[in-house]
Amino acid sequence: MTRRRRDYRAEYRRRVRRGKVKGLSRAQSRGHPKPREEYIQPKRKKIPDRKRIEIALSELANGKTLKQSAHSAGLTVERLKNFISREGIAERHGNRWEIRKERPREMAIYSEGKAYTIIVNNIHDDASLLGRYLSAVRQALINNDPSFLKPFKGKVVKDIHGKPFPLEIRLDALYERNRADPFENVYRHVF
């Protein structure tokens, strides 16, 4: 018994016609929606791991094409493009991609005698303030001089959820926290 041959052309036409009746775009009907469009069937959202995305974004920022960036990070072009447009990380200007500088960052902070890792938005210069603060903390601990921390007295940093974190300026509390858990990585981008 011979198997009947599939008519792929007819299947495709039926799929596109069904999608049009449902009010979907042609790309959605085919099963490959454009970056801002939804899939017909809800897919399990698989977010590429952070390291791969960071590699691809740094390649993109260095002037490589989207395809070159995606392949160097081990991602597909479609997945990288969808991720970029969904998260609003980059914008296309002419034939180049421009990475947003206001991306959220995960940063270390000492507050009220405890060490935290918080996510700050770079729009309000909180990341810059935290970078200067951590540099001053390091100098204060190395030189045993609390005067490095005076510019940060009364300063508060808010995370992306609006929770305030007053900056710790007591040298003894900083010594305790640094001895227990020293921060090595000052910050990294988060999506």
Protein backbone atom coordinates (compact mmCIF):
# COMPACT_ATOMS: atom_id res chain seq x y z
CA MET A 1 0.00 0.00 0.00
CA THR A 2 1.49 3.30 -1.06
CA ARG A 3 1.22 6.33 1.12
CA ARG A 4 -0.66 9.30 -0.18
CA ARG A 5 1.56 12.25 -0.95
CA ARG A 6 0.95 15.37 1.11
CA ASP A 7 -0.07 18.51 -0.70
CA TYR A 8 2.01 21.08 1.21
CA ARG A 9 0.85 23.94 -0.96
CA ALA A 10 -2.81 23.25 -0.16
CA GLU A 11 -2.01 22.85 3.57
CA TYR A 12 -0.25 26.21 3.56
CA ARG A 13 -3.19 27.92 1.83
CA ARG A 14 -5.62 26.41 4.36
CA ARG A 15 -3.45 27.54 7.26
CA VAL A 16 -3.22 31.11 5.93
CA ARG A 17 -6.99 31.19 5.19
CA ARG A 18 -7.82 29.96 8.72
CA GLY A 19 -5.57 32.63 10.19
CA LYS A 20 -7.14 35.36 8.09
CA VAL A 21 -10.62 34.35 9.35
CA LYS A 22 -9.32 34.59 12.93
CA GLY A 23 -7.87 38.05 12.25
CA LEU A 24 -4.24 36.98 12.33
CA SER A 25 -1.47 38.25 10.10
CA ARG A 26 0.01 36.06 7.38
CA ALA A 27 3.19 35.63 9.39
CA GLN A 28 1.24 34.51 12.47
CA SER A 29 -0.78 32.06 10.37
CA ARG A 30 2.44 30.49 9.02
CA GLY A 31 3.68 29.98 12.59
CA HIS A 32 6.52 32.53 12.40
CA PRO A 33 5.14 35.81 13.75
CA LYS A 34 7.00 39.10 13.42
CA PRO A 35 8.87 40.32 16.51
CA ARG A 36 5.97 42.28 18.05
CA GLU A 37 3.29 39.71 17.18
CA GLU A 38 2.09 36.84 19.33
CA TYR A 39 2.27 33.17 18.45
CA ILE A 40 -1.04 31.47 17.64
CA GLN A 41 -0.49 28.74 20.17
CA PRO A 42 0.95 29.92 23.45
CA LYS A 43 4.52 28.70 23.52
CA ARG A 44 6.51 28.12 26.61
CA LYS A 45 8.58 31.26 26.85
CA LYS A 46 12.16 30.19 26.72
CA ILE A 47 14.39 33.09 27.61
CA PRO A 48 17.93 32.64 26.36
CA ASP A 49 20.44 32.62 29.17
CA ARG A 50 21.89 35.94 30.22
CA LYS A 51 25.47 35.22 29.18
CA ARG A 52 24.54 34.45 25.59
CA ILE A 53 22.41 37.56 25.31
CA GLU A 54 25.18 39.73 26.76
CA ILE A 55 27.68 38.26 24.30
CA ALA A 56 25.32 38.96 21.40
CA LEU A 57 24.60 42.51 22.60
CA SER A 58 28.27 43.34 23.03
CA GLU A 59 28.95 42.04 19.50
CA LEU A 60 26.03 44.13 18.23
CA ALA A 61 27.35 47.21 20.03
CA ASN A 62 30.76 46.66 18.43
CA GLY A 63 29.24 47.05 14.96
CA LYS A 64 28.60 43.45 13.96
CA THR A 65 25.37 42.56 12.19
CA LEU A 66 22.47 40.93 13.98
CA LYS A 67 23.21 37.64 12.22
CA GLN A 68 26.90 37.68 13.15
CA SER A 69 26.09 38.62 16.75
CA ALA A 70 23.49 35.88 17.12
CA HIS A 71 25.73 33.19 15.68
CA SER A 72 28.74 34.18 17.77
CA ALA A 73 26.59 33.82 20.90
CA GLY A 74 25.01 30.54 19.79
CA LEU A 75 21.52 31.98 19.26
CA THR A 76 19.24 32.05 16.26
CA VAL A 77 18.70 35.38 14.54
CA GLU A 78 14.93 35.13 15.05
CA ARG A 79 15.26 34.49 18.79
CA LEU A 80 17.71 37.37 19.29
CA LYS A 81 15.59 39.77 17.23
CA ASN A 82 12.42 38.80 19.12
CA PHE A 83 14.17 39.20 22.47
CA ILE A 84 15.60 42.60 21.54
CA SER A 85 12.28 43.96 20.34
CA ARG A 86 10.26 42.44 23.20
CA GLU A 87 12.55 43.88 25.86
CA GLY A 88 13.23 47.17 24.04
CA ILE A 89 16.98 46.75 24.49
CA ALA A 90 18.04 48.13 21.12
CA GLU A 91 16.72 50.21 18.25
CA ARG A 92 17.55 50.01 14.60
CA HIS A 93 18.95 53.18 13.01
CA GLY A 94 19.48 52.72 9.30
CA ASN A 95 21.41 49.49 8.90
CA ARG A 96 22.88 49.49 12.44
CA TRP A 97 21.50 48.54 15.83
CA GLU A 98 21.93 50.97 18.72
CA ILE A 99 21.92 49.47 22.21
CA ARG A 100 20.02 51.43 24.88
CA LYS A 101 22.23 52.71 27.65
CA GLU A 102 19.40 52.87 30.19
CA ARG A 103 19.13 49.14 30.61
CA PRO A 104 18.49 47.83 34.13
CA ARG A 105 21.58 46.68 36.01
CA GLU A 106 22.05 44.27 38.86
CA MET A 107 24.33 45.91 41.40
CA ALA A 108 25.76 45.30 44.83
CA ILE A 109 24.84 47.63 47.68
CA TYR A 110 25.48 47.94 51.41
CA SER A 111 22.44 49.21 53.27
CA GLU A 112 21.52 49.20 56.96
CA GLY A 113 24.33 46.83 57.87
CA LYS A 114 23.46 44.25 55.20
CA ALA A 115 24.72 43.43 51.73
CA TYR A 116 22.12 43.33 48.95
CA THR A 117 22.12 42.75 45.24
CA ILE A 118 19.46 44.95 43.68
CA ILE A 119 18.33 45.82 40.18
CA VAL A 120 18.50 49.53 39.41
CA ASN A 121 17.40 51.47 36.39
CA ASN A 122 20.17 53.51 34.86
CA ILE A 123 17.76 56.28 33.77
CA HIS A 124 17.95 58.02 37.15
CA ASP A 125 21.75 57.73 37.49
CA ASP A 126 21.35 55.31 40.39
CA ALA A 127 23.83 52.93 38.77
CA SER A 128 26.40 55.73 38.52
CA LEU A 129 25.82 56.73 42.15
CA LEU A 130 26.20 53.11 43.28
CA GLY A 131 29.40 52.73 41.28
CA ARG A 132 30.90 55.82 42.94
CA TYR A 133 29.65 54.59 46.34
CA LEU A 134 31.24 51.15 45.98
CA SER A 135 34.49 52.77 44.87
CA ALA A 136 34.39 54.99 47.97
CA VAL A 137 33.63 51.95 50.16
CA ARG A 138 36.67 50.19 48.76
CA GLN A 139 38.88 53.24 49.38
CA ALA A 140 37.49 53.65 52.91
CA LEU A 141 38.18 50.01 53.74
CA ILE A 142 41.68 50.06 52.27
CA ASN A 143 42.69 53.34 53.95
CA ASN A 144 40.59 52.91 57.11
CA ASP A 145 39.25 56.42 56.48
CA PRO A 146 35.50 57.13 56.77
CA SER A 147 35.89 60.53 55.07
CA PHE A 148 35.56 58.79 51.67
CA LEU A 149 31.95 57.99 52.60
CA LYS A 150 30.86 61.49 53.71
CA PRO A 151 29.49 62.52 50.27
CA PHE A 152 27.02 59.60 50.51
CA LYS A 153 25.50 60.53 53.87
CA GLY A 154 21.71 60.55 53.59
CA LYS A 155 21.74 59.25 49.99
CA VAL A 156 19.11 56.70 49.05
CA VAL A 157 18.98 54.44 46.00
CA LYS A 158 15.73 52.91 44.77
CA ASP A 159 15.51 49.60 42.97
CA ILE A 160 13.29 49.10 39.91
CA HIS A 161 10.33 48.33 42.18
CA GLY A 162 10.70 51.62 44.05
CA LYS A 163 12.05 50.13 47.28
CA PRO A 164 14.49 52.59 48.91
CA PHE A 165 17.95 51.49 50.09
CA PRO A 166 19.84 54.05 52.22
CA LEU A 167 23.58 53.79 51.61
CA GLU A 168 25.59 52.40 54.53
CA ILE A 169 28.33 54.81 55.65
CA ARG A 170 29.33 53.31 59.01
CA LEU A 171 32.83 51.95 58.59
CA ASP A 172 32.50 49.22 61.25
CA ALA A 173 29.34 47.85 59.58
CA LEU A 174 31.12 47.86 56.23
CA TYR A 175 34.08 45.97 57.68
CA GLU A 176 31.73 43.32 59.09
CA ARG A 177 29.82 42.91 55.82
CA ASN A 178 32.94 42.90 53.67
CA ARG A 179 34.61 40.27 55.84
CA ALA A 180 31.53 38.02 55.67
CA ASP A 181 30.73 38.45 51.96
CA PRO A 182 32.98 40.60 49.76
CA PHE A 183 31.43 41.81 46.51
CA GLU A 184 33.52 40.96 43.50
CA ASN A 185 31.27 41.86 40.61
CA VAL A 186 30.08 45.47 40.87
CA TYR A 187 27.29 45.26 38.32
CA ARG A 188 25.89 43.45 35.32
CA HIS A 189 23.08 44.20 32.90
CA VAL A 190 19.68 42.64 33.46
CA PHE A 191 16.73 42.39 31.11
